[in-house]
Amino acid sequence: MLSNIGIPGLILILVLALIIFGPKKLPEIGRAVGQTLKEFKKSARELTNDVADDVKNEINDVKSEIKDVKETVSK
């Protein structure tokens, strides 16, 4: 979505933001957007790591069960 905007579109968005919010509020809004994006990325990374850990645990459980079955069958 954002990849199709281009430089003229970004300039237009910045000018509109400057007109709507004014020069005093714009830095505050920029910081808030930056912090929000940072938190979103952090949450997404944590969720990805949690899912990866769960999958690894499940794989290890299945491997353990397969090993147990092989030992039982070979006896």
PDB file of N, CA and C in Angstrom:
ATOM      1  N   MET A   1       0.823  -1.182   0.000  1.00  0.00           N
ATOM      2  CA  MET A   1       0.000   0.000   0.000  1.00  0.00           C
ATOM      3  C   MET A   1       0.873   1.254   0.000  1.00  0.00           C
ATOM      4  N   LEU A   2       1.788   1.357   0.937  1.00  0.00           N
ATOM      5  CA  LEU A   2       2.625   2.549   1.022  1.00  0.00           C
ATOM      6  C   LEU A   2       3.671   2.603  -0.079  1.00  0.00           C
ATOM      7  N   SER A   3       3.993   1.480  -0.696  1.00  0.00           N
ATOM      8  CA  SER A   3       5.010   1.473  -1.737  1.00  0.00           C
ATOM      9  C   SER A   3       4.539   2.176  -3.010  1.00  0.00           C
ATOM     10  N   ASN A   4       3.251   2.377  -3.165  1.00  0.00           N
ATOM     11  CA  ASN A   4       2.717   3.017  -4.367  1.00  0.00           C
ATOM     12  C   ASN A   4       2.558   4.525  -4.218  1.00  0.00           C
ATOM     13  N   ILE A   5       2.888   5.097  -3.068  1.00  0.00           N
ATOM     14  CA  ILE A   5       2.655   6.521  -2.832  1.00  0.00           C
ATOM     15  C   ILE A   5       3.660   7.372  -3.591  1.00  0.00           C
ATOM     16  N   GLY A   6       4.942   7.132  -3.424  1.00  0.00           N
ATOM     17  CA  GLY A   6       5.971   7.910  -4.103  1.00  0.00           C
ATOM     18  C   GLY A   6       6.273   9.212  -3.379  1.00  0.00           C
ATOM     19  N   ILE A   7       7.258   9.928  -3.888  1.00  0.00           N
ATOM     20  CA  ILE A   7       7.712  11.179  -3.267  1.00  0.00           C
ATOM     21  C   ILE A   7       6.634  12.269  -3.315  1.00  0.00           C
ATOM     22  N   PRO A   8       5.984  12.506  -4.454  1.00  0.00           N
ATOM     23  CA  PRO A   8       4.945  13.557  -4.467  1.00  0.00           C
ATOM     24  C   PRO A   8       3.810  13.265  -3.488  1.00  0.00           C
ATOM     25  N   GLY A   9       3.440  12.013  -3.362  1.00  0.00           N
ATOM     26  CA  GLY A   9       2.383  11.647  -2.422  1.00  0.00           C
ATOM     27  C   GLY A   9       2.793  11.877  -0.979  1.00  0.00           C
ATOM     28  N   LEU A  10       4.054  11.540  -0.655  1.00  0.00           N
ATOM     29  CA  LEU A  10       4.546  11.782   0.705  1.00  0.00           C
ATOM     30  C   LEU A  10       4.577  13.268   1.025  1.00  0.00           C
ATOM     31  N   ILE A  11       4.998  14.069   0.057  1.00  0.00           N
ATOM     32  CA  ILE A  11       5.036  15.527   0.265  1.00  0.00           C
ATOM     33  C   ILE A  11       3.618  16.048   0.505  1.00  0.00           C
ATOM     34  N   LEU A  12       2.670  15.578  -0.271  1.00  0.00           N
ATOM     35  CA  LEU A  12       1.274  15.993  -0.105  1.00  0.00           C
ATOM     36  C   LEU A  12       0.750  15.604   1.272  1.00  0.00           C
ATOM     37  N   ILE A  13       1.047  14.396   1.713  1.00  0.00           N
ATOM     38  CA  ILE A  13       0.602  13.936   3.032  1.00  0.00           C
ATOM     39  C   ILE A  13       1.219  14.792   4.134  1.00  0.00           C
ATOM     40  N   LEU A  14       2.513  15.098   4.014  1.00  0.00           N
ATOM     41  CA  LEU A  14       3.177  15.929   5.019  1.00  0.00           C
ATOM     42  C   LEU A  14       2.598  17.340   5.059  1.00  0.00           C
ATOM     43  N   VAL A  15       2.322  17.911   3.898  1.00  0.00           N
ATOM     44  CA  VAL A  15       1.739  19.259   3.844  1.00  0.00           C
ATOM     45  C   VAL A  15       0.351  19.250   4.478  1.00  0.00           C
ATOM     46  N   LEU A  16      -0.455  18.241   4.166  1.00  0.00           N
ATOM     47  CA  LEU A  16      -1.793  18.147   4.763  1.00  0.00           C
ATOM     48  C   LEU A  16      -1.713  17.976   6.273  1.00  0.00           C
ATOM     49  N   ALA A  17      -0.785  17.139   6.730  1.00  0.00           N
ATOM     50  CA  ALA A  17      -0.613  16.945   8.172  1.00  0.00           C
ATOM     51  C   ALA A  17      -0.190  18.248   8.833  1.00  0.00           C
ATOM     52  N   LEU A  18       0.678  18.985   8.199  1.00  0.00           N
ATOM     53  CA  LEU A  18       1.128  20.262   8.739  1.00  0.00           C
ATOM     54  C   LEU A  18      -0.030  21.256   8.830  1.00  0.00           C
ATOM     55  N   ILE A  19      -0.876  21.277   7.815  1.00  0.00           N
ATOM     56  CA  ILE A  19      -2.032  22.180   7.814  1.00  0.00           C
ATOM     57  C   ILE A  19      -3.041  21.762   8.891  1.00  0.00           C
ATOM     58  N   ILE A  20      -3.312  20.464   8.986  1.00  0.00           N
ATOM     59  CA  ILE A  20      -4.335  19.978   9.920  1.00  0.00           C
ATOM     60  C   ILE A  20      -3.869  20.090  11.370  1.00  0.00           C
ATOM     61  N   PHE A  21      -2.658  19.644  11.676  1.00  0.00           N
ATOM     62  CA  PHE A  21      -2.205  19.563  13.060  1.00  0.00           C
ATOM     63  C   PHE A  21      -1.358  20.746  13.492  1.00  0.00           C
ATOM     64  N   GLY A  22      -0.770  21.444  12.578  1.00  0.00           N
ATOM     65  CA  GLY A  22       0.075  22.581  12.929  1.00  0.00           C
ATOM     66  C   GLY A  22       1.492  22.147  13.246  1.00  0.00           C
ATOM     67  N   PRO A  23       2.418  23.102  13.204  1.00  0.00           N
ATOM     68  CA  PRO A  23       3.832  22.764  13.392  1.00  0.00           C
ATOM     69  C   PRO A  23       4.174  22.339  14.820  1.00  0.00           C
ATOM     70  N   LYS A  24       3.379  22.745  15.808  1.00  0.00           N
ATOM     71  CA  LYS A  24       3.689  22.389  17.195  1.00  0.00           C
ATOM     72  C   LYS A  24       3.297  20.946  17.513  1.00  0.00           C
ATOM     73  N   LYS A  25       2.224  20.466  16.954  1.00  0.00           N
ATOM     74  CA  LYS A  25       1.742  19.117  17.248  1.00  0.00           C
ATOM     75  C   LYS A  25       2.404  18.037  16.394  1.00  0.00           C
ATOM     76  N   LEU A  26       2.947  18.412  15.261  1.00  0.00           N
ATOM     77  CA  LEU A  26       3.498  17.436  14.319  1.00  0.00           C
ATOM     78  C   LEU A  26       4.620  16.589  14.922  1.00  0.00           C
ATOM     79  N   PRO A  27       5.582  17.155  15.656  1.00  0.00           N
ATOM     80  CA  PRO A  27       6.620  16.297  16.257  1.00  0.00           C
ATOM     81  C   PRO A  27       6.059  15.307  17.280  1.00  0.00           C
ATOM     82  N   GLU A  28       5.054  15.739  18.044  1.00  0.00           N
ATOM     83  CA  GLU A  28       4.424  14.844  19.015  1.00  0.00           C
ATOM     84  C   GLU A  28       3.736  13.675  18.311  1.00  0.00           C
ATOM     85  N   ILE A  29       3.054  13.976  17.238  1.00  0.00           N
ATOM     86  CA  ILE A  29       2.361  12.930  16.474  1.00  0.00           C
ATOM     87  C   ILE A  29       3.378  11.974  15.858  1.00  0.00           C
ATOM     88  N   GLY A  30       4.470  12.524  15.346  1.00  0.00           N
ATOM     89  CA  GLY A  30       5.523  11.677  14.770  1.00  0.00           C
ATOM     90  C   GLY A  30       6.108  10.728  15.800  1.00  0.00           C
ATOM     91  N   ARG A  31       6.366  11.245  17.011  1.00  0.00           N
ATOM     92  CA  ARG A  31       6.892  10.386  18.082  1.00  0.00           C
ATOM     93  C   ARG A  31       5.894   9.302  18.453  1.00  0.00           C
ATOM     94  N   ALA A  32       4.626   9.675  18.548  1.00  0.00           N
ATOM     95  CA  ALA A  32       3.592   8.704  18.910  1.00  0.00           C
ATOM     96  C   ALA A  32       3.479   7.606  17.855  1.00  0.00           C
ATOM     97  N   VAL A  33       3.531   7.991  16.591  1.00  0.00           N
ATOM     98  CA  VAL A  33       3.471   6.991  15.512  1.00  0.00           C
ATOM     99  C   VAL A  33       4.700   6.091  15.567  1.00  0.00           C
ATOM    100  N   GLY A  34       5.867   6.681  15.808  1.00  0.00           N
ATOM    101  CA  GLY A  34       7.091   5.890  15.908  1.00  0.00           C
ATOM    102  C   GLY A  34       7.041   4.896  17.053  1.00  0.00           C
ATOM    103  N   GLN A  35       6.565   5.330  18.219  1.00  0.00           N
ATOM    104  CA  GLN A  35       6.455   4.424  19.361  1.00  0.00           C
ATOM    105  C   GLN A  35       5.445   3.323  19.093  1.00  0.00           C
ATOM    106  N   THR A  36       4.351   3.672  18.448  1.00  0.00           N
ATOM    107  CA  THR A  36       3.334   2.670  18.125  1.00  0.00           C
ATOM    108  C   THR A  36       3.901   1.609  17.186  1.00  0.00           C
ATOM    109  N   LEU A  37       4.620   2.035  16.161  1.00  0.00           N
ATOM    110  CA  LEU A  37       5.230   1.086  15.226  1.00  0.00           C
ATOM    111  C   LEU A  37       6.260   0.211  15.928  1.00  0.00           C
ATOM    112  N   LYS A  38       7.044   0.807  16.830  1.00  0.00           N
ATOM    113  CA  LYS A  38       8.044   0.058  17.586  1.00  0.00           C
ATOM    114  C   LYS A  38       7.380  -1.016  18.443  1.00  0.00           C
ATOM    115  N   GLU A  39       6.318  -0.669  19.143  1.00  0.00           N
ATOM    116  CA  GLU A  39       5.595  -1.634  19.978  1.00  0.00           C
ATOM    117  C   GLU A  39       4.959  -2.727  19.125  1.00  0.00           C
ATOM    118  N   PHE A  40       4.412  -2.343  17.968  1.00  0.00           N
ATOM    119  CA  PHE A  40       3.794  -3.334  17.086  1.00  0.00           C
ATOM    120  C   PHE A  40       4.828  -4.339  16.598  1.00  0.00           C
ATOM    121  N   LYS A  41       5.989  -3.848  16.182  1.00  0.00           N
ATOM    122  CA  LYS A  41       7.047  -4.746  15.711  1.00  0.00           C
ATOM    123  C   LYS A  41       7.525  -5.655  16.828  1.00  0.00           C
ATOM    124  N   LYS A  42       7.659  -5.106  18.035  1.00  0.00           N
ATOM    125  CA  LYS A  42       8.086  -5.902  19.182  1.00  0.00           C
ATOM    126  C   LYS A  42       7.070  -7.003  19.482  1.00  0.00           C
ATOM    127  N   SER A  43       5.795  -6.660  19.467  1.00  0.00           N
ATOM    128  CA  SER A  43       4.746  -7.649  19.727  1.00  0.00           C
ATOM    129  C   SER A  43       4.720  -8.721  18.645  1.00  0.00           C
ATOM    130  N   ALA A  44       4.865  -8.320  17.409  1.00  0.00           N
ATOM    131  CA  ALA A  44       4.873  -9.285  16.308  1.00  0.00           C
ATOM    132  C   ALA A  44       6.065 -10.226  16.428  1.00  0.00           C
ATOM    133  N   ARG A  45       7.223  -9.686  16.796  1.00  0.00           N
ATOM    134  CA  ARG A  45       8.430 -10.509  16.962  1.00  0.00           C
ATOM    135  C   ARG A  45       8.250 -11.501  18.114  1.00  0.00           C
ATOM    136  N   GLU A  46       7.670 -11.035  19.231  1.00  0.00           N
ATOM    137  CA  GLU A  46       7.431 -11.914  20.377  1.00  0.00           C
ATOM    138  C   GLU A  46       6.438 -13.017  20.021  1.00  0.00           C
ATOM    139  N   LEU A  47       5.398 -12.664  19.293  1.00  0.00           N
ATOM    140  CA  LEU A  47       4.404 -13.657  18.885  1.00  0.00           C
ATOM    141  C   LEU A  47       5.030 -14.700  17.970  1.00  0.00           C
ATOM    142  N   THR A  48       5.852 -14.247  17.038  1.00  0.00           N
ATOM    143  CA  THR A  48       6.534 -15.176  16.132  1.00  0.00           C
ATOM    144  C   THR A  48       7.446 -16.115  16.903  1.00  0.00           C
ATOM    145  N   ASN A  49       8.188 -15.567  17.861  1.00  0.00           N
ATOM    146  CA  ASN A  49       9.076 -16.403  18.677  1.00  0.00           C
ATOM    147  C   ASN A  49       8.292 -17.409  19.508  1.00  0.00           C
ATOM    148  N   ASP A  50       7.157 -16.984  20.070  1.00  0.00           N
ATOM    149  CA  ASP A  50       6.321 -17.896  20.859  1.00  0.00           C
ATOM    150  C   ASP A  50       5.792 -19.049  20.004  1.00  0.00           C
ATOM    151  N   VAL A  51       5.334 -18.728  18.817  1.00  0.00           N
ATOM    152  CA  VAL A  51       4.812 -19.766  17.918  1.00  0.00           C
ATOM    153  C   VAL A  51       5.930 -20.725  17.514  1.00  0.00           C
ATOM    154  N   ALA A  52       7.108 -20.177  17.210  1.00  0.00           N
ATOM    155  CA  ALA A  52       8.246 -21.020  16.832  1.00  0.00           C
ATOM    156  C   ALA A  52       8.642 -21.939  17.985  1.00  0.00           C
ATOM    157  N   ASP A  53       8.645 -21.408  19.209  1.00  0.00           N
ATOM    158  CA  ASP A  53       8.968 -22.235  20.369  1.00  0.00           C
ATOM    159  C   ASP A  53       7.938 -23.339  20.567  1.00  0.00           C
ATOM    160  N   ASP A  54       6.658 -23.022  20.402  1.00  0.00           N
ATOM    161  CA  ASP A  54       5.609 -24.031  20.535  1.00  0.00           C
ATOM    162  C   ASP A  54       5.767 -25.139  19.493  1.00  0.00           C
ATOM    163  N   VAL A  55       6.084 -24.754  18.268  1.00  0.00           N
ATOM    164  CA  VAL A  55       6.268 -25.744  17.203  1.00  0.00           C
ATOM    165  C   VAL A  55       7.461 -26.635  17.511  1.00  0.00           C
ATOM    166  N   LYS A  56       8.567 -26.044  17.975  1.00  0.00           N
ATOM    167  CA  LYS A  56       9.743 -26.838  18.336  1.00  0.00           C
ATOM    168  C   LYS A  56       9.424 -27.822  19.454  1.00  0.00           C
ATOM    169  N   ASN A  57       8.674 -27.371  20.456  1.00  0.00           N
ATOM    170  CA  ASN A  57       8.293 -28.257  21.554  1.00  0.00           C
ATOM    171  C   ASN A  57       7.422 -29.408  21.062  1.00  0.00           C
ATOM    172  N   GLU A  58       6.492 -29.113  20.178  1.00  0.00           N
ATOM    173  CA  GLU A  58       5.633 -30.161  19.629  1.00  0.00           C
ATOM    174  C   GLU A  58       6.451 -31.174  18.823  1.00  0.00           C
ATOM    175  N   ILE A  59       7.383 -30.681  18.043  1.00  0.00           N
ATOM    176  CA  ILE A  59       8.237 -31.570  17.255  1.00  0.00           C
ATOM    177  C   ILE A  59       9.053 -32.470  18.174  1.00  0.00           C
ATOM    178  N   ASN A  60       9.606 -31.896  19.231  1.00  0.00           N
ATOM    179  CA  ASN A  60      10.377 -32.704  20.181  1.00  0.00           C
ATOM    180  C   ASN A  60       9.507 -33.740  20.875  1.00  0.00           C
ATOM    181  N   ASP A  61       8.269 -33.380  21.204  1.00  0.00           N
ATOM    182  CA  ASP A  61       7.341 -34.341  21.817  1.00  0.00           C
ATOM    183  C   ASP A  61       7.044 -35.501  20.866  1.00  0.00           C
ATOM    184  N   VAL A  62       6.806 -35.176  19.597  1.00  0.00           N
ATOM    185  CA  VAL A  62       6.514 -36.221  18.610  1.00  0.00           C
ATOM    186  C   VAL A  62       7.729 -37.122  18.420  1.00  0.00           C
ATOM    187  N   LYS A  63       8.922 -36.533  18.355  1.00  0.00           N
ATOM    188  CA  LYS A  63      10.134 -37.340  18.219  1.00  0.00           C
ATOM    189  C   LYS A  63      10.303 -38.265  19.409  1.00  0.00           C
ATOM    190  N   SER A  64      10.008 -37.770  20.597  1.00  0.00           N
ATOM    191  CA  SER A  64      10.112 -38.582  21.803  1.00  0.00           C
ATOM    192  C   SER A  64       9.120 -39.741  21.766  1.00  0.00           C
ATOM    193  N   GLU A  65       7.914 -39.462  21.330  1.00  0.00           N
ATOM    194  CA  GLU A  65       6.898 -40.519  21.233  1.00  0.00           C
ATOM    195  C   GLU A  65       7.295 -41.563  20.195  1.00  0.00           C
ATOM    196  N   ILE A  66       7.838 -41.132  19.074  1.00  0.00           N
ATOM    197  CA  ILE A  66       8.288 -42.070  18.036  1.00  0.00           C
ATOM    198  C   ILE A  66       9.403 -42.949  18.585  1.00  0.00           C
ATOM    199  N   LYS A  67      10.322 -42.347  19.316  1.00  0.00           N
ATOM    200  CA  LYS A  67      11.421 -43.105  19.917  1.00  0.00           C
ATOM    201  C   LYS A  67      10.881 -44.140  20.896  1.00  0.00           C
ATOM    202  N   ASP A  68       9.906 -43.752  21.714  1.00  0.00           N
ATOM    203  CA  ASP A  68       9.290 -44.678  22.672  1.00  0.00           C
ATOM    204  C   ASP A  68       8.608 -45.844  21.952  1.00  0.00           C
ATOM    205  N   VAL A  69       7.908 -45.544  20.871  1.00  0.00           N
ATOM    206  CA  VAL A  69       7.215 -46.588  20.111  1.00  0.00           C
ATOM    207  C   VAL A  69       8.230 -47.534  19.488  1.00  0.00           C
ATOM    208  N   LYS A  70       9.323 -47.003  18.948  1.00  0.00           N
ATOM    209  CA  LYS A  70      10.350 -47.866  18.336  1.00  0.00           C
ATOM    210  C   LYS A  70      10.961 -48.771  19.386  1.00  0.00           C
ATOM    211  N   GLU A  71      11.207 -48.237  20.580  1.00  0.00           N
ATOM    212  CA  GLU A  71      11.767 -49.066  21.646  1.00  0.00           C
ATOM    213  C   GLU A  71      10.804 -50.156  22.075  1.00  0.00           C
ATOM    214  N   THR A  72       9.526 -49.828  22.121  1.00  0.00           N
ATOM    215  CA  THR A  72       8.516 -50.804  22.506  1.00  0.00           C
ATOM    216  C   THR A  72       8.375 -51.881  21.458  1.00  0.00           C
ATOM    217  N   VAL A  73       8.422 -51.535  20.191  1.00  0.00           N
ATOM    218  CA  VAL A  73       8.273 -52.494  19.113  1.00  0.00           C
ATOM    219  C   VAL A  73       9.513 -53.414  19.039  1.00  0.00           C
ATOM    220  N   SER A  74      10.677 -52.887  19.290  1.00  0.00           N
ATOM    221  CA  SER A  74      11.891 -53.695  19.169  1.00  0.00           C
ATOM    222  C   SER A  74      12.058 -54.686  20.333  1.00  0.00           C
ATOM    223  N   LYS A  75      11.303 -54.537  21.405  1.00  0.00           N
ATOM    224  CA  LYS A  75      11.400 -55.456  22.548  1.00  0.00           C
ATOM    225  C   LYS A  75      10.630 -56.671  22.311  1.00  0.00           C
TER     226      LYS A  75
END
